[in-house]
Amino acid sequence: MDAQSGLPRCYRHPEAETGIRCARCDKPICPQCMISASVGFQCPDCVRNGSGTGHAADANQPRTLVGGRVAADDRLVTKILIGINLAVYLLVLVIGQRLVVELELIGRAYSLELGEWIGVADGEWYRLLTAAFLHQEVWHILFNVLGLWVIGGIVEPELGRVRYAALCLLSGLSGSVLAYLVAAQNQPSLGASGVVYGLIGAWVVLARRKRHDMRPVVFFVALSLLMTFTRPGISWEAHVGGLVAGVLVTYVMVHAPRARRDLVQYGACGLVLLLDLGLVLARSAALT
């Protein structure tokens, strides 16, 4: 309840005061979340969970916190990402080290397995993304899949599928780009950690925006960064790059003005992509 106006705030958009409540669960809902029903309006949760019936077929689609469409399966993209990671891991088990050499992130090096020079600097830009789905050790993929499922399950419903997919791809790419810029040119890197840390960054922004208790969030981020910088064999560059991209992209998505929301959000994603590409071009020029 707002102390000044006396009106409650929407349970999904804390910044919006409203006098409308869901006809089934009685939660306050703003115009973005109102779905016409046979009697009154219903909230996205009741409609998604099947409790809402009889809403108008032509009613406006319910929207997430950042303007995305609310979907019945709010973890679909997360499931797809996990499926891709597991499928690539199974391929590694079947094909072996040769597949790892062909897909891992590396600046520039001579591969004895392939008998040729390989790396992003030699035009193999696909490695910046394929490395984000590649794992060799079972503990590595289990850790990342768990992170995708738990934190992705928090973030995807708040962003919607399209924005969430853009966030994941940009986080993975930005993590690879920072590793390409900073790490030794012949140092290989692989794993979905850049995506996971991007989701952690998004979670921080969303939790702050929704006025959640930040203490457990800050503790989790601090613990994650401690593990990043104290455990051997960890690509801290991918973690930090993904984290920064996740924070920046989600911050713009959350704070974009409603009148120009899509333009600002997708424009910001485009700028991050262009920045990544520019940094890759500069690094490749320096290596060759």
C-alpha atoms as a PDB file:
ATOM      1  CA  MET A   1       0.000   0.000   0.000  1.00  0.00           C
ATOM      2  CA  ASP A   2       1.320   3.439  -0.894  1.00  0.00           C
ATOM      3  CA  ALA A   3       1.419   5.706   2.167  1.00  0.00           C
ATOM      4  CA  GLN A   4       0.636   8.884   0.221  1.00  0.00           C
ATOM      5  CA  SER A   5      -2.095   7.933  -2.257  1.00  0.00           C
ATOM      6  CA  GLY A   6      -3.551   4.994  -0.374  1.00  0.00           C
ATOM      7  CA  LEU A   7      -3.526   2.895  -3.572  1.00  0.00           C
ATOM      8  CA  PRO A   8      -1.786  -0.489  -3.677  1.00  0.00           C
ATOM      9  CA  ARG A   9       1.011  -1.182  -6.151  1.00  0.00           C
ATOM     10  CA  CYS A  10       0.914  -3.809  -8.879  1.00  0.00           C
ATOM     11  CA  TYR A  11       2.430  -7.070  -7.664  1.00  0.00           C
ATOM     12  CA  ARG A  12       4.507  -7.339 -10.876  1.00  0.00           C
ATOM     13  CA  HIS A  13       5.259  -3.650 -11.488  1.00  0.00           C
ATOM     14  CA  PRO A  14       6.006  -2.055  -8.089  1.00  0.00           C
ATOM     15  CA  GLU A  15       6.241   1.413  -9.629  1.00  0.00           C
ATOM     16  CA  ALA A  16       2.601   1.350 -10.811  1.00  0.00           C
ATOM     17  CA  GLU A  17      -0.241   2.277  -8.456  1.00  0.00           C
ATOM     18  CA  THR A  18      -3.573   0.645  -9.211  1.00  0.00           C
ATOM     19  CA  GLY A  19      -7.086   0.295  -7.951  1.00  0.00           C
ATOM     20  CA  ILE A  20      -7.774  -2.922  -9.894  1.00  0.00           C
ATOM     21  CA  ARG A  21      -7.425  -6.403  -8.414  1.00  0.00           C
ATOM     22  CA  CYS A  22      -7.474  -9.871  -9.958  1.00  0.00           C
ATOM     23  CA  ALA A  23     -10.967 -11.326  -9.871  1.00  0.00           C
ATOM     24  CA  ARG A  24      -9.618 -14.691  -8.709  1.00  0.00           C
ATOM     25  CA  CYS A  25      -6.610 -14.137  -6.412  1.00  0.00           C
ATOM     26  CA  ASP A  26      -7.294 -10.486  -5.444  1.00  0.00           C
ATOM     27  CA  LYS A  27      -3.725  -9.333  -6.178  1.00  0.00           C
ATOM     28  CA  PRO A  28      -3.404  -5.685  -7.340  1.00  0.00           C
ATOM     29  CA  ILE A  29      -2.752  -5.464 -11.102  1.00  0.00           C
ATOM     30  CA  CYS A  30      -1.879  -2.527 -13.336  1.00  0.00           C
ATOM     31  CA  PRO A  31      -3.132  -1.988 -16.931  1.00  0.00           C
ATOM     32  CA  GLN A  32      -0.150  -3.953 -18.330  1.00  0.00           C
ATOM     33  CA  CYS A  33      -1.140  -7.028 -16.346  1.00  0.00           C
ATOM     34  CA  MET A  34      -4.940  -6.830 -16.649  1.00  0.00           C
ATOM     35  CA  ILE A  35      -6.432  -9.619 -18.758  1.00  0.00           C
ATOM     36  CA  SER A  36     -10.133  -9.322 -19.527  1.00  0.00           C
ATOM     37  CA  ALA A  37     -12.262 -12.119 -18.091  1.00  0.00           C
ATOM     38  CA  SER A  38     -15.973 -12.896 -18.162  1.00  0.00           C
ATOM     39  CA  VAL A  39     -16.153 -11.028 -14.859  1.00  0.00           C
ATOM     40  CA  GLY A  40     -13.594  -8.301 -14.213  1.00  0.00           C
ATOM     41  CA  PHE A  41      -9.890  -8.828 -14.874  1.00  0.00           C
ATOM     42  CA  GLN A  42      -7.403 -11.566 -14.046  1.00  0.00           C
ATOM     43  CA  CYS A  43      -3.642 -11.474 -13.420  1.00  0.00           C
ATOM     44  CA  PRO A  44      -1.051 -13.221 -15.641  1.00  0.00           C
ATOM     45  CA  ASP A  45      -0.318 -15.847 -12.952  1.00  0.00           C
ATOM     46  CA  CYS A  46      -3.933 -17.020 -12.779  1.00  0.00           C
ATOM     47  CA  VAL A  47      -4.184 -17.175 -16.575  1.00  0.00           C
ATOM     48  CA  ARG A  48      -0.814 -18.949 -16.930  1.00  0.00           C
ATOM     49  CA  ASN A  49      -1.614 -21.536 -14.266  1.00  0.00           C
ATOM     50  CA  GLY A  50      -4.975 -22.308 -15.786  1.00  0.00           C
ATOM     51  CA  SER A  51      -7.031 -20.809 -12.970  1.00  0.00           C
ATOM     52  CA  GLY A  52      -8.325 -18.050 -15.185  1.00  0.00           C
ATOM     53  CA  THR A  53     -11.065 -18.980 -17.615  1.00  0.00           C
ATOM     54  CA  GLY A  54     -13.290 -17.098 -19.924  1.00  0.00           C
ATOM     55  CA  HIS A  55     -10.959 -14.187 -20.641  1.00  0.00           C
ATOM     56  CA  ALA A  56     -11.568 -12.400 -23.895  1.00  0.00           C
ATOM     57  CA  ALA A  57      -9.842 -13.920 -26.901  1.00  0.00           C
ATOM     58  CA  ASP A  58      -8.792 -10.499 -28.149  1.00  0.00           C
ATOM     59  CA  ALA A  59      -7.545  -9.238 -24.788  1.00  0.00           C
ATOM     60  CA  ASN A  60      -4.139  -7.610 -24.657  1.00  0.00           C
ATOM     61  CA  GLN A  61      -1.311 -10.009 -24.005  1.00  0.00           C
ATOM     62  CA  PRO A  62       0.021  -9.784 -20.436  1.00  0.00           C
ATOM     63  CA  ARG A  63       3.509  -8.314 -20.225  1.00  0.00           C
ATOM     64  CA  THR A  64       6.558  -9.031 -18.121  1.00  0.00           C
ATOM     65  CA  LEU A  65       8.341  -6.453 -16.013  1.00  0.00           C
ATOM     66  CA  VAL A  66      10.319  -5.240 -19.067  1.00  0.00           C
ATOM     67  CA  GLY A  67       7.529  -5.517 -21.642  1.00  0.00           C
ATOM     68  CA  GLY A  68       7.989  -9.066 -22.929  1.00  0.00           C
ATOM     69  CA  ARG A  69       5.087 -11.447 -23.481  1.00  0.00           C
ATOM     70  CA  VAL A  70       4.105 -13.696 -20.604  1.00  0.00           C
ATOM     71  CA  ALA A  71       4.330 -17.317 -21.769  1.00  0.00           C
ATOM     72  CA  ALA A  72       2.664 -20.443 -20.442  1.00  0.00           C
ATOM     73  CA  ASP A  73       6.066 -22.137 -20.159  1.00  0.00           C
ATOM     74  CA  ASP A  74       8.242 -19.446 -18.635  1.00  0.00           C
ATOM     75  CA  ARG A  75      11.405 -21.599 -18.760  1.00  0.00           C
ATOM     76  CA  LEU A  76      11.301 -22.664 -22.405  1.00  0.00           C
ATOM     77  CA  VAL A  77      14.477 -20.815 -23.469  1.00  0.00           C
ATOM     78  CA  THR A  78      16.278 -22.043 -20.347  1.00  0.00           C
ATOM     79  CA  LYS A  79      15.332 -25.624 -21.215  1.00  0.00           C
ATOM     80  CA  ILE A  80      16.570 -25.155 -24.789  1.00  0.00           C
ATOM     81  CA  LEU A  81      19.910 -23.761 -23.588  1.00  0.00           C
ATOM     82  CA  ILE A  82      20.333 -26.644 -21.166  1.00  0.00           C
ATOM     83  CA  GLY A  83      19.443 -29.105 -23.933  1.00  0.00           C
ATOM     84  CA  ILE A  84      22.056 -27.614 -26.268  1.00  0.00           C
ATOM     85  CA  ASN A  85      24.734 -27.804 -23.584  1.00  0.00           C
ATOM     86  CA  LEU A  86      23.896 -31.429 -22.789  1.00  0.00           C
ATOM     87  CA  ALA A  87      23.792 -32.388 -26.482  1.00  0.00           C
ATOM     88  CA  VAL A  88      27.223 -30.843 -27.134  1.00  0.00           C
ATOM     89  CA  TYR A  89      28.611 -32.590 -24.048  1.00  0.00           C
ATOM     90  CA  LEU A  90      27.348 -35.943 -25.332  1.00  0.00           C
ATOM     91  CA  LEU A  91      28.998 -35.218 -28.694  1.00  0.00           C
ATOM     92  CA  VAL A  92      32.266 -34.541 -26.882  1.00  0.00           C
ATOM     93  CA  LEU A  93      31.968 -37.920 -25.151  1.00  0.00           C
ATOM     94  CA  VAL A  94      31.412 -39.608 -28.518  1.00  0.00           C
ATOM     95  CA  ILE A  95      33.846 -37.697 -30.747  1.00  0.00           C
ATOM     96  CA  GLY A  96      36.449 -36.789 -28.163  1.00  0.00           C
ATOM     97  CA  GLN A  97      39.170 -34.164 -27.974  1.00  0.00           C
ATOM     98  CA  ARG A  98      39.040 -33.284 -31.660  1.00  0.00           C
ATOM     99  CA  LEU A  99      35.600 -31.701 -31.251  1.00  0.00           C
ATOM    100  CA  VAL A 100      36.846 -29.719 -28.248  1.00  0.00           C
ATOM    101  CA  VAL A 101      39.770 -28.388 -30.275  1.00  0.00           C
ATOM    102  CA  GLU A 102      37.426 -27.328 -33.076  1.00  0.00           C
ATOM    103  CA  LEU A 103      34.915 -25.516 -30.846  1.00  0.00           C
ATOM    104  CA  GLU A 104      36.792 -24.107 -27.830  1.00  0.00           C
ATOM    105  CA  LEU A 105      37.674 -20.445 -27.538  1.00  0.00           C
ATOM    106  CA  ILE A 106      41.286 -19.739 -28.400  1.00  0.00           C
ATOM    107  CA  GLY A 107      42.945 -16.616 -29.717  1.00  0.00           C
ATOM    108  CA  ARG A 108      45.554 -18.144 -31.990  1.00  0.00           C
ATOM    109  CA  ALA A 109      47.552 -21.358 -31.696  1.00  0.00           C
ATOM    110  CA  TYR A 110      48.897 -24.256 -33.730  1.00  0.00           C
ATOM    111  CA  SER A 111      46.827 -27.398 -33.249  1.00  0.00           C
ATOM    112  CA  LEU A 112      48.684 -30.700 -33.381  1.00  0.00           C
ATOM    113  CA  GLU A 113      45.343 -32.537 -33.557  1.00  0.00           C
ATOM    114  CA  LEU A 114      44.240 -30.593 -36.640  1.00  0.00           C
ATOM    115  CA  GLY A 115      47.691 -29.885 -38.061  1.00  0.00           C
ATOM    116  CA  GLU A 116      46.971 -26.186 -38.687  1.00  0.00           C
ATOM    117  CA  TRP A 117      46.723 -22.749 -37.118  1.00  0.00           C
ATOM    118  CA  ILE A 118      43.425 -22.194 -35.381  1.00  0.00           C
ATOM    119  CA  GLY A 119      41.686 -19.457 -33.417  1.00  0.00           C
ATOM    120  CA  VAL A 120      39.483 -16.381 -33.575  1.00  0.00           C
ATOM    121  CA  ALA A 121      42.382 -14.343 -34.966  1.00  0.00           C
ATOM    122  CA  ASP A 122      42.434 -16.674 -38.002  1.00  0.00           C
ATOM    123  CA  GLY A 123      38.802 -15.943 -38.809  1.00  0.00           C
ATOM    124  CA  GLU A 124      37.139 -18.619 -36.669  1.00  0.00           C
ATOM    125  CA  TRP A 125      34.773 -16.190 -34.982  1.00  0.00           C
ATOM    126  CA  TYR A 126      32.236 -18.928 -34.343  1.00  0.00           C
ATOM    127  CA  ARG A 127      34.409 -20.006 -31.402  1.00  0.00           C
ATOM    128  CA  LEU A 128      33.202 -16.976 -29.443  1.00  0.00           C
ATOM    129  CA  LEU A 129      29.770 -18.640 -29.235  1.00  0.00           C
ATOM    130  CA  THR A 130      30.444 -22.363 -29.573  1.00  0.00           C
ATOM    131  CA  ALA A 131      32.773 -22.231 -26.572  1.00  0.00           C
ATOM    132  CA  ALA A 132      29.815 -21.070 -24.462  1.00  0.00           C
ATOM    133  CA  PHE A 133      28.053 -24.422 -25.046  1.00  0.00           C
ATOM    134  CA  LEU A 134      31.123 -26.637 -24.685  1.00  0.00           C
ATOM    135  CA  HIS A 135      32.140 -28.687 -21.636  1.00  0.00           C
ATOM    136  CA  GLN A 136      34.625 -31.482 -21.031  1.00  0.00           C
ATOM    137  CA  GLU A 137      34.245 -32.396 -17.365  1.00  0.00           C
ATOM    138  CA  VAL A 138      31.053 -33.620 -15.756  1.00  0.00           C
ATOM    139  CA  TRP A 139      31.350 -31.333 -12.711  1.00  0.00           C
ATOM    140  CA  HIS A 140      31.697 -28.331 -15.042  1.00  0.00           C
ATOM    141  CA  ILE A 141      28.537 -28.987 -17.020  1.00  0.00           C
ATOM    142  CA  LEU A 142      26.557 -29.949 -13.920  1.00  0.00           C
ATOM    143  CA  PHE A 143      27.508 -26.682 -12.215  1.00  0.00           C
ATOM    144  CA  ASN A 144      26.560 -24.597 -15.245  1.00  0.00           C
ATOM    145  CA  VAL A 145      23.333 -26.479 -15.972  1.00  0.00           C
ATOM    146  CA  LEU A 146      22.298 -26.025 -12.342  1.00  0.00           C
ATOM    147  CA  GLY A 147      23.061 -22.311 -12.594  1.00  0.00           C
ATOM    148  CA  LEU A 148      21.055 -21.998 -15.800  1.00  0.00           C
ATOM    149  CA  TRP A 149      18.086 -23.790 -14.302  1.00  0.00           C
ATOM    150  CA  VAL A 150      17.977 -21.986 -10.962  1.00  0.00           C
ATOM    151  CA  ILE A 151      18.897 -18.432 -11.952  1.00  0.00           C
ATOM    152  CA  GLY A 152      17.426 -18.697 -15.436  1.00  0.00           C
ATOM    153  CA  GLY A 153      14.187 -19.765 -13.782  1.00  0.00           C
ATOM    154  CA  ILE A 154      14.200 -16.450 -11.908  1.00  0.00           C
ATOM    155  CA  VAL A 155      15.198 -14.215 -14.810  1.00  0.00           C
ATOM    156  CA  GLU A 156      13.338 -15.648 -17.826  1.00  0.00           C
ATOM    157  CA  PRO A 157       9.809 -15.057 -16.439  1.00  0.00           C
ATOM    158  CA  GLU A 158      10.718 -11.416 -15.748  1.00  0.00           C
ATOM    159  CA  LEU A 159      12.154 -10.693 -19.201  1.00  0.00           C
ATOM    160  CA  GLY A 160      10.137 -12.872 -21.563  1.00  0.00           C
ATOM    161  CA  ARG A 161      11.589 -15.264 -24.110  1.00  0.00           C
ATOM    162  CA  VAL A 162      13.009 -12.904 -26.732  1.00  0.00           C
ATOM    163  CA  ARG A 163      14.698 -10.501 -24.321  1.00  0.00           C
ATOM    164  CA  TYR A 164      15.953 -13.370 -22.193  1.00  0.00           C
ATOM    165  CA  ALA A 165      17.471 -15.113 -25.214  1.00  0.00           C
ATOM    166  CA  ALA A 166      19.174 -11.854 -26.234  1.00  0.00           C
ATOM    167  CA  LEU A 167      20.545 -11.446 -22.710  1.00  0.00           C
ATOM    168  CA  CYS A 168      21.953 -14.987 -22.667  1.00  0.00           C
ATOM    169  CA  LEU A 169      23.613 -14.692 -26.074  1.00  0.00           C
ATOM    170  CA  LEU A 170      25.137 -11.296 -25.298  1.00  0.00           C
ATOM    171  CA  SER A 171      26.372 -12.475 -21.896  1.00  0.00           C
ATOM    172  CA  GLY A 172      28.023 -15.548 -23.390  1.00  0.00           C
ATOM    173  CA  LEU A 173      29.511 -13.524 -26.233  1.00  0.00           C
ATOM    174  CA  SER A 174      30.786 -10.742 -23.965  1.00  0.00           C
ATOM    175  CA  GLY A 175      32.421 -13.277 -21.659  1.00  0.00           C
ATOM    176  CA  SER A 176      34.213 -14.827 -24.625  1.00  0.00           C
ATOM    177  CA  VAL A 177      35.233 -11.408 -25.943  1.00  0.00           C
ATOM    178  CA  LEU A 178      36.833 -10.371 -22.644  1.00  0.00           C
ATOM    179  CA  ALA A 179      38.676 -13.697 -22.502  1.00  0.00           C
ATOM    180  CA  TYR A 180      39.868 -13.133 -26.079  1.00  0.00           C
ATOM    181  CA  LEU A 181      41.072  -9.633 -25.182  1.00  0.00           C
ATOM    182  CA  VAL A 182      42.828 -10.367 -21.898  1.00  0.00           C
ATOM    183  CA  ALA A 183      43.888 -14.010 -21.779  1.00  0.00           C
ATOM    184  CA  ALA A 184      46.977 -15.368 -23.503  1.00  0.00           C
ATOM    185  CA  GLN A 185      46.331 -16.001 -27.182  1.00  0.00           C
ATOM    186  CA  ASN A 186      47.016 -19.732 -26.855  1.00  0.00           C
ATOM    187  CA  GLN A 187      44.972 -20.199 -23.667  1.00  0.00           C
ATOM    188  CA  PRO A 188      41.801 -22.220 -24.363  1.00  0.00           C
ATOM    189  CA  SER A 189      38.492 -21.384 -22.692  1.00  0.00           C
ATOM    190  CA  LEU A 190      35.138 -23.146 -22.689  1.00  0.00           C
ATOM    191  CA  GLY A 191      31.894 -23.425 -20.742  1.00  0.00           C
ATOM    192  CA  ALA A 192      28.568 -21.676 -20.194  1.00  0.00           C
ATOM    193  CA  SER A 193      29.840 -19.715 -17.205  1.00  0.00           C
ATOM    194  CA  GLY A 194      29.643 -16.414 -19.095  1.00  0.00           C
ATOM    195  CA  VAL A 195      25.918 -16.979 -19.625  1.00  0.00           C
ATOM    196  CA  VAL A 196      25.397 -18.022 -16.006  1.00  0.00           C
ATOM    197  CA  TYR A 197      27.186 -14.941 -14.690  1.00  0.00           C
ATOM    198  CA  GLY A 198      25.172 -12.795 -17.071  1.00  0.00           C
ATOM    199  CA  LEU A 199      22.048 -14.214 -15.455  1.00  0.00           C
ATOM    200  CA  ILE A 200      23.495 -13.448 -12.030  1.00  0.00           C
ATOM    201  CA  GLY A 201      23.987  -9.836 -13.118  1.00  0.00           C
ATOM    202  CA  ALA A 202      20.414  -9.718 -14.427  1.00  0.00           C
ATOM    203  CA  TRP A 203      19.140 -11.144 -11.146  1.00  0.00           C
ATOM    204  CA  VAL A 204      20.879  -8.366  -9.210  1.00  0.00           C
ATOM    205  CA  VAL A 205      19.216  -5.666 -11.331  1.00  0.00           C
ATOM    206  CA  LEU A 206      15.795  -7.310 -11.154  1.00  0.00           C
ATOM    207  CA  ALA A 207      15.972  -7.868  -7.401  1.00  0.00           C
ATOM    208  CA  ARG A 208      16.866  -4.231  -6.827  1.00  0.00           C
ATOM    209  CA  ARG A 209      14.139  -3.057  -9.186  1.00  0.00           C
ATOM    210  CA  LYS A 210      11.517  -5.137  -7.385  1.00  0.00           C
ATOM    211  CA  ARG A 211      12.750  -3.918  -3.999  1.00  0.00           C
ATOM    212  CA  HIS A 212      13.747  -7.335  -2.720  1.00  0.00           C
ATOM    213  CA  ASP A 213      16.063  -7.815   0.223  1.00  0.00           C
ATOM    214  CA  MET A 214      19.484  -7.388  -1.427  1.00  0.00           C
ATOM    215  CA  ARG A 215      21.537  -9.019   1.319  1.00  0.00           C
ATOM    216  CA  PRO A 216      21.222 -12.620   0.075  1.00  0.00           C
ATOM    217  CA  VAL A 217      21.744 -11.427  -3.508  1.00  0.00           C
ATOM    218  CA  VAL A 218      24.933  -9.535  -2.621  1.00  0.00           C
ATOM    219  CA  PHE A 219      26.185 -12.506  -0.595  1.00  0.00           C
ATOM    220  CA  PHE A 220      25.623 -14.863  -3.517  1.00  0.00           C
ATOM    221  CA  VAL A 221      27.418 -12.552  -5.968  1.00  0.00           C
ATOM    222  CA  ALA A 222      30.336 -12.089  -3.568  1.00  0.00           C
ATOM    223  CA  LEU A 223      30.619 -15.848  -3.065  1.00  0.00           C
ATOM    224  CA  SER A 224      30.497 -16.456  -6.823  1.00  0.00           C
ATOM    225  CA  LEU A 225      33.255 -13.907  -7.481  1.00  0.00           C
ATOM    226  CA  LEU A 226      35.341 -15.359  -4.635  1.00  0.00           C
ATOM    227  CA  MET A 227      35.154 -18.771  -6.298  1.00  0.00           C
ATOM    228  CA  THR A 228      36.020 -17.174  -9.635  1.00  0.00           C
ATOM    229  CA  PHE A 229      39.257 -15.604  -8.415  1.00  0.00           C
ATOM    230  CA  THR A 230      40.435 -18.280  -5.961  1.00  0.00           C
ATOM    231  CA  ARG A 231      39.868 -21.566  -7.787  1.00  0.00           C
ATOM    232  CA  PRO A 232      42.556 -22.629 -10.267  1.00  0.00           C
ATOM    233  CA  GLY A 233      41.749 -23.161 -13.934  1.00  0.00           C
ATOM    234  CA  ILE A 234      38.802 -20.742 -13.953  1.00  0.00           C
ATOM    235  CA  SER A 235      38.414 -18.253 -16.800  1.00  0.00           C
ATOM    236  CA  TRP A 236      37.688 -15.184 -14.671  1.00  0.00           C
ATOM    237  CA  GLU A 237      37.508 -13.138 -17.864  1.00  0.00           C
ATOM    238  CA  ALA A 238      34.437 -15.036 -19.085  1.00  0.00           C
ATOM    239  CA  HIS A 239      32.769 -14.672 -15.686  1.00  0.00           C
ATOM    240  CA  VAL A 240      33.391 -10.944 -15.389  1.00  0.00           C
ATOM    241  CA  GLY A 241      32.531 -10.246 -19.027  1.00  0.00           C
ATOM    242  CA  GLY A 242      29.234 -12.101 -18.728  1.00  0.00           C
ATOM    243  CA  LEU A 243      28.412 -10.442 -15.400  1.00  0.00           C
ATOM    244  CA  VAL A 244      29.013  -6.924 -16.716  1.00  0.00           C
ATOM    245  CA  ALA A 245      26.994  -7.562 -19.878  1.00  0.00           C
ATOM    246  CA  GLY A 246      24.138  -9.040 -17.850  1.00  0.00           C
ATOM    247  CA  VAL A 247      23.992  -6.026 -15.556  1.00  0.00           C
ATOM    248  CA  LEU A 248      24.151  -3.467 -18.386  1.00  0.00           C
ATOM    249  CA  VAL A 249      21.615  -5.137 -20.677  1.00  0.00           C
ATOM    250  CA  THR A 250      19.110  -5.832 -17.917  1.00  0.00           C
ATOM    251  CA  TYR A 251      19.461  -2.344 -16.441  1.00  0.00           C
ATOM    252  CA  VAL A 252      18.519  -0.802 -19.773  1.00  0.00           C
ATOM    253  CA  MET A 253      15.648  -3.246 -20.217  1.00  0.00           C
ATOM    254  CA  VAL A 254      14.244  -2.466 -16.779  1.00  0.00           C
ATOM    255  CA  HIS A 255      14.596   1.311 -16.984  1.00  0.00           C
ATOM    256  CA  ALA A 256      13.693   1.877 -20.642  1.00  0.00           C
ATOM    257  CA  PRO A 257      10.825   4.392 -20.979  1.00  0.00           C
ATOM    258  CA  ARG A 258       7.562   2.661 -21.842  1.00  0.00           C
ATOM    259  CA  ALA A 259       6.837   4.918 -24.797  1.00  0.00           C
ATOM    260  CA  ARG A 260      10.042   3.814 -26.562  1.00  0.00           C
ATOM    261  CA  ARG A 261      10.694   0.574 -24.730  1.00  0.00           C
ATOM    262  CA  ASP A 262      11.431  -1.736 -27.666  1.00  0.00           C
ATOM    263  CA  LEU A 263      13.640   0.806 -29.429  1.00  0.00           C
ATOM    264  CA  VAL A 264      15.741   1.490 -26.336  1.00  0.00           C
ATOM    265  CA  GLN A 265      16.012  -2.153 -25.276  1.00  0.00           C
ATOM    266  CA  TYR A 266      16.931  -3.629 -28.634  1.00  0.00           C
ATOM    267  CA  GLY A 267      19.082  -0.610 -29.432  1.00  0.00           C
ATOM    268  CA  ALA A 268      21.091  -1.268 -26.263  1.00  0.00           C
ATOM    269  CA  CYS A 269      21.482  -4.925 -27.230  1.00  0.00           C
ATOM    270  CA  GLY A 270      22.696  -3.829 -30.660  1.00  0.00           C
ATOM    271  CA  LEU A 271      25.239  -1.453 -29.119  1.00  0.00           C
ATOM    272  CA  VAL A 272      26.631  -4.194 -26.869  1.00  0.00           C
ATOM    273  CA  LEU A 273      26.911  -6.469 -29.902  1.00  0.00           C
ATOM    274  CA  LEU A 274      28.693  -3.770 -31.923  1.00  0.00           C
ATOM    275  CA  LEU A 275      31.075  -3.091 -29.043  1.00  0.00           C
ATOM    276  CA  ASP A 276      31.918  -6.784 -28.802  1.00  0.00           C
ATOM    277  CA  LEU A 277      32.525  -7.013 -32.547  1.00  0.00           C
ATOM    278  CA  GLY A 278      34.708  -3.902 -32.497  1.00  0.00           C
ATOM    279  CA  LEU A 279      36.843  -5.284 -29.684  1.00  0.00           C
ATOM    280  CA  VAL A 280      37.235  -8.598 -31.516  1.00  0.00           C
ATOM    281  CA  LEU A 281      38.340  -6.790 -34.683  1.00  0.00           C
ATOM    282  CA  ALA A 282      40.892  -4.743 -32.738  1.00  0.00           C
ATOM    283  CA  ARG A 283      42.294  -7.805 -30.948  1.00  0.00           C
ATOM    284  CA  SER A 284      42.453  -9.840 -34.165  1.00  0.00           C
ATOM    285  CA  ALA A 285      44.332  -7.043 -35.912  1.00  0.00           C
ATOM    286  CA  ALA A 286      46.849  -6.971 -33.057  1.00  0.00           C
ATOM    287  CA  LEU A 287      47.406 -10.733 -33.195  1.00  0.00           C
ATOM    288  CA  THR A 288      47.834 -10.934 -36.961  1.00  0.00           C
END
